[in-house]
Amino acid sequence: MVSVLDGQPVKPAWLKGRAAKLWAEKVATYVERGQSVVGCESALAQYCSLEASLIEQFVKKLTPPTSQLSAYRTYAAEFFDTPASQIGSPKQPKAGKFAGNGQPPPPEGGPCA
């Protein structure tokens, strides 16, 4: 686990147009989730730029290369923007007072020896 860095994410100066708008929308979503992206600005900018490029291709009725879609899905998962990537590990059920029933006895020389 990486420590959370203080501050606000800084949009790279080269990110313009639709990609910059996507940046603002994504950062607002991440802030609302409590998800820090400070220190990940470069990856987030690439993600937004790629998404903007895909949108442009869809608008022009062009089929984007599979490699672009795969890269986009990878970024989406990295930033927890897919339903599957938001699923955490299952919570362990709390042990009830009978949770130890049916357990094997302690080894020889255990606490009752």
C-alpha atoms as a PDB file:
ATOM      1  CA  MET A   1       0.000   0.000   0.000  1.00  0.00           C
ATOM      2  CA  VAL A   2       1.345   3.401  -0.968  1.00  0.00           C
ATOM      3  CA  SER A   3       0.946   6.345   1.405  1.00  0.00           C
ATOM      4  CA  VAL A   4      -1.561   9.017   0.387  1.00  0.00           C
ATOM      5  CA  LEU A   5       0.132  12.271  -0.620  1.00  0.00           C
ATOM      6  CA  ASP A   6      -1.211  15.606   0.584  1.00  0.00           C
ATOM      7  CA  GLY A   7      -2.483  18.239  -1.807  1.00  0.00           C
ATOM      8  CA  GLN A   8      -4.641  18.375  -4.890  1.00  0.00           C
ATOM      9  CA  PRO A   9      -3.909  16.716  -8.240  1.00  0.00           C
ATOM     10  CA  VAL A  10      -2.321  19.110 -10.735  1.00  0.00           C
ATOM     11  CA  LYS A  11      -3.493  18.813 -14.341  1.00  0.00           C
ATOM     12  CA  PRO A  12      -0.551  18.719 -16.775  1.00  0.00           C
ATOM     13  CA  ALA A  13      -0.330  21.827 -18.972  1.00  0.00           C
ATOM     14  CA  TRP A  14      -0.372  19.734 -22.163  1.00  0.00           C
ATOM     15  CA  LEU A  15      -3.818  18.273 -21.404  1.00  0.00           C
ATOM     16  CA  LYS A  16      -6.323  20.300 -23.435  1.00  0.00           C
ATOM     17  CA  GLY A  17      -9.848  20.178 -24.832  1.00  0.00           C
ATOM     18  CA  ARG A  18     -12.038  17.148 -24.211  1.00  0.00           C
ATOM     19  CA  ALA A  19      -9.244  15.390 -22.297  1.00  0.00           C
ATOM     20  CA  ALA A  20      -9.000  18.323 -19.856  1.00  0.00           C
ATOM     21  CA  LYS A  21     -12.768  18.241 -19.325  1.00  0.00           C
ATOM     22  CA  LEU A  22     -12.609  14.492 -18.655  1.00  0.00           C
ATOM     23  CA  TRP A  23      -9.793  15.182 -16.160  1.00  0.00           C
ATOM     24  CA  ALA A  24     -12.000  17.590 -14.205  1.00  0.00           C
ATOM     25  CA  GLU A  25     -14.921  15.141 -14.205  1.00  0.00           C
ATOM     26  CA  LYS A  26     -12.772  12.211 -13.091  1.00  0.00           C
ATOM     27  CA  VAL A  27     -10.992  14.191 -10.365  1.00  0.00           C
ATOM     28  CA  ALA A  28     -14.388  15.329  -9.009  1.00  0.00           C
ATOM     29  CA  THR A  29     -15.550  11.705  -8.933  1.00  0.00           C
ATOM     30  CA  TYR A  30     -12.376  10.559  -7.184  1.00  0.00           C
ATOM     31  CA  VAL A  31     -12.652  13.345  -4.587  1.00  0.00           C
ATOM     32  CA  GLU A  32     -16.259  12.322  -3.921  1.00  0.00           C
ATOM     33  CA  ARG A  33     -15.134   8.698  -3.481  1.00  0.00           C
ATOM     34  CA  GLY A  34     -12.299   9.714  -1.170  1.00  0.00           C
ATOM     35  CA  GLN A  35      -9.799   8.329  -3.698  1.00  0.00           C
ATOM     36  CA  SER A  36      -6.522  10.249  -3.885  1.00  0.00           C
ATOM     37  CA  VAL A  37      -4.853  10.563  -7.288  1.00  0.00           C
ATOM     38  CA  VAL A  38      -2.106  12.947  -6.141  1.00  0.00           C
ATOM     39  CA  GLY A  39       1.145  11.529  -7.477  1.00  0.00           C
ATOM     40  CA  CYS A  40      -0.691   9.717 -10.290  1.00  0.00           C
ATOM     41  CA  GLU A  41      -1.328  12.772 -12.460  1.00  0.00           C
ATOM     42  CA  SER A  42       0.697  11.502 -15.415  1.00  0.00           C
ATOM     43  CA  ALA A  43      -1.208   8.212 -15.600  1.00  0.00           C
ATOM     44  CA  LEU A  44      -4.526  10.014 -15.126  1.00  0.00           C
ATOM     45  CA  ALA A  45      -3.662  12.454 -17.932  1.00  0.00           C
ATOM     46  CA  GLN A  46      -2.823   9.557 -20.253  1.00  0.00           C
ATOM     47  CA  TYR A  47      -6.114   7.881 -19.293  1.00  0.00           C
ATOM     48  CA  CYS A  48      -8.096  11.064 -20.034  1.00  0.00           C
ATOM     49  CA  SER A  49      -6.236  11.637 -23.301  1.00  0.00           C
ATOM     50  CA  LEU A  50      -6.926   8.079 -24.416  1.00  0.00           C
ATOM     51  CA  GLU A  51     -10.606   8.353 -23.493  1.00  0.00           C
ATOM     52  CA  ALA A  52     -10.886  11.626 -25.440  1.00  0.00           C
ATOM     53  CA  SER A  53      -9.270   9.950 -28.448  1.00  0.00           C
ATOM     54  CA  LEU A  54     -11.694   7.019 -28.240  1.00  0.00           C
ATOM     55  CA  ILE A  55     -14.668   9.379 -28.065  1.00  0.00           C
ATOM     56  CA  GLU A  56     -13.421  11.212 -31.160  1.00  0.00           C
ATOM     57  CA  GLN A  57     -13.096   7.921 -33.010  1.00  0.00           C
ATOM     58  CA  PHE A  58     -16.605   6.848 -32.011  1.00  0.00           C
ATOM     59  CA  VAL A  59     -18.029  10.224 -33.091  1.00  0.00           C
ATOM     60  CA  LYS A  60     -16.363   9.799 -36.492  1.00  0.00           C
ATOM     61  CA  LYS A  61     -17.748   6.237 -36.661  1.00  0.00           C
ATOM     62  CA  LEU A  62     -14.243   4.801 -36.716  1.00  0.00           C
ATOM     63  CA  THR A  63     -13.435   1.514 -35.033  1.00  0.00           C
ATOM     64  CA  PRO A  64     -10.604   2.028 -32.551  1.00  0.00           C
ATOM     65  CA  PRO A  65      -7.812  -0.529 -32.490  1.00  0.00           C
ATOM     66  CA  THR A  66      -8.241  -3.292 -29.954  1.00  0.00           C
ATOM     67  CA  SER A  67      -4.962  -2.254 -28.341  1.00  0.00           C
ATOM     68  CA  GLN A  68      -6.452   1.176 -27.527  1.00  0.00           C
ATOM     69  CA  LEU A  69      -9.552  -0.398 -26.004  1.00  0.00           C
ATOM     70  CA  SER A  70      -7.394  -2.773 -23.973  1.00  0.00           C
ATOM     71  CA  ALA A  71      -5.231   0.082 -22.718  1.00  0.00           C
ATOM     72  CA  TYR A  72      -8.363   2.060 -21.844  1.00  0.00           C
ATOM     73  CA  ARG A  73      -9.797  -0.868 -19.881  1.00  0.00           C
ATOM     74  CA  THR A  74      -6.510  -1.214 -18.018  1.00  0.00           C
ATOM     75  CA  TYR A  75      -6.534   2.466 -17.033  1.00  0.00           C
ATOM     76  CA  ALA A  76     -10.215   2.208 -16.042  1.00  0.00           C
ATOM     77  CA  ALA A  77      -9.418  -0.711 -13.755  1.00  0.00           C
ATOM     78  CA  GLU A  78      -6.354   1.052 -12.304  1.00  0.00           C
ATOM     79  CA  PHE A  79      -8.505   4.039 -11.357  1.00  0.00           C
ATOM     80  CA  PHE A  80     -11.416   1.846 -10.122  1.00  0.00           C
ATOM     81  CA  ASP A  81     -13.747   3.084 -12.875  1.00  0.00           C
ATOM     82  CA  THR A  82     -15.318  -0.279 -13.653  1.00  0.00           C
ATOM     83  CA  PRO A  83     -17.828  -2.198 -11.535  1.00  0.00           C
ATOM     84  CA  ALA A  84     -15.517  -5.214 -11.322  1.00  0.00           C
ATOM     85  CA  SER A  85     -12.552  -3.118 -10.153  1.00  0.00           C
ATOM     86  CA  GLN A  86     -14.622  -1.659  -7.303  1.00  0.00           C
ATOM     87  CA  ILE A  87     -15.221  -5.034  -5.684  1.00  0.00           C
ATOM     88  CA  GLY A  88     -12.984  -5.540  -2.691  1.00  0.00           C
ATOM     89  CA  SER A  89     -12.049  -8.757  -0.996  1.00  0.00           C
ATOM     90  CA  PRO A  90     -15.019 -10.372   0.707  1.00  0.00           C
ATOM     91  CA  LYS A  91     -15.482  -9.477   4.348  1.00  0.00           C
ATOM     92  CA  GLN A  92     -14.750 -12.265   6.760  1.00  0.00           C
ATOM     93  CA  PRO A  93     -17.768 -13.247   8.821  1.00  0.00           C
ATOM     94  CA  LYS A  94     -17.503 -12.536  12.513  1.00  0.00           C
ATOM     95  CA  ALA A  95     -16.833 -15.635  14.534  1.00  0.00           C
ATOM     96  CA  GLY A  96     -19.809 -16.553  16.669  1.00  0.00           C
ATOM     97  CA  LYS A  97     -19.614 -18.199  20.080  1.00  0.00           C
ATOM     98  CA  PHE A  98     -19.855 -21.645  18.450  1.00  0.00           C
ATOM     99  CA  ALA A  99     -17.191 -20.990  15.808  1.00  0.00           C
ATOM    100  CA  GLY A 100     -14.714 -23.315  17.533  1.00  0.00           C
ATOM    101  CA  ASN A 101     -17.095 -26.288  17.558  1.00  0.00           C
ATOM    102  CA  GLY A 102     -15.898 -29.185  15.476  1.00  0.00           C
ATOM    103  CA  GLN A 103     -12.284 -28.036  15.577  1.00  0.00           C
ATOM    104  CA  PRO A 104      -9.613 -30.713  15.992  1.00  0.00           C
ATOM    105  CA  PRO A 105      -8.196 -31.080  19.499  1.00  0.00           C
ATOM    106  CA  PRO A 106      -4.922 -29.300  20.292  1.00  0.00           C
ATOM    107  CA  PRO A 107      -1.743 -31.306  19.614  1.00  0.00           C
ATOM    108  CA  GLU A 108      -0.174 -33.480  22.344  1.00  0.00           C
ATOM    109  CA  GLY A 109       1.463 -31.360  24.982  1.00  0.00           C
ATOM    110  CA  GLY A 110      -1.001 -28.577  24.292  1.00  0.00           C
ATOM    111  CA  PRO A 111      -2.622 -26.325  26.868  1.00  0.00           C
ATOM    112  CA  CYS A 112      -4.339 -29.235  28.686  1.00  0.00           C
ATOM    113  CA  ALA A 113      -1.231 -31.415  29.089  1.00  0.00           C
END
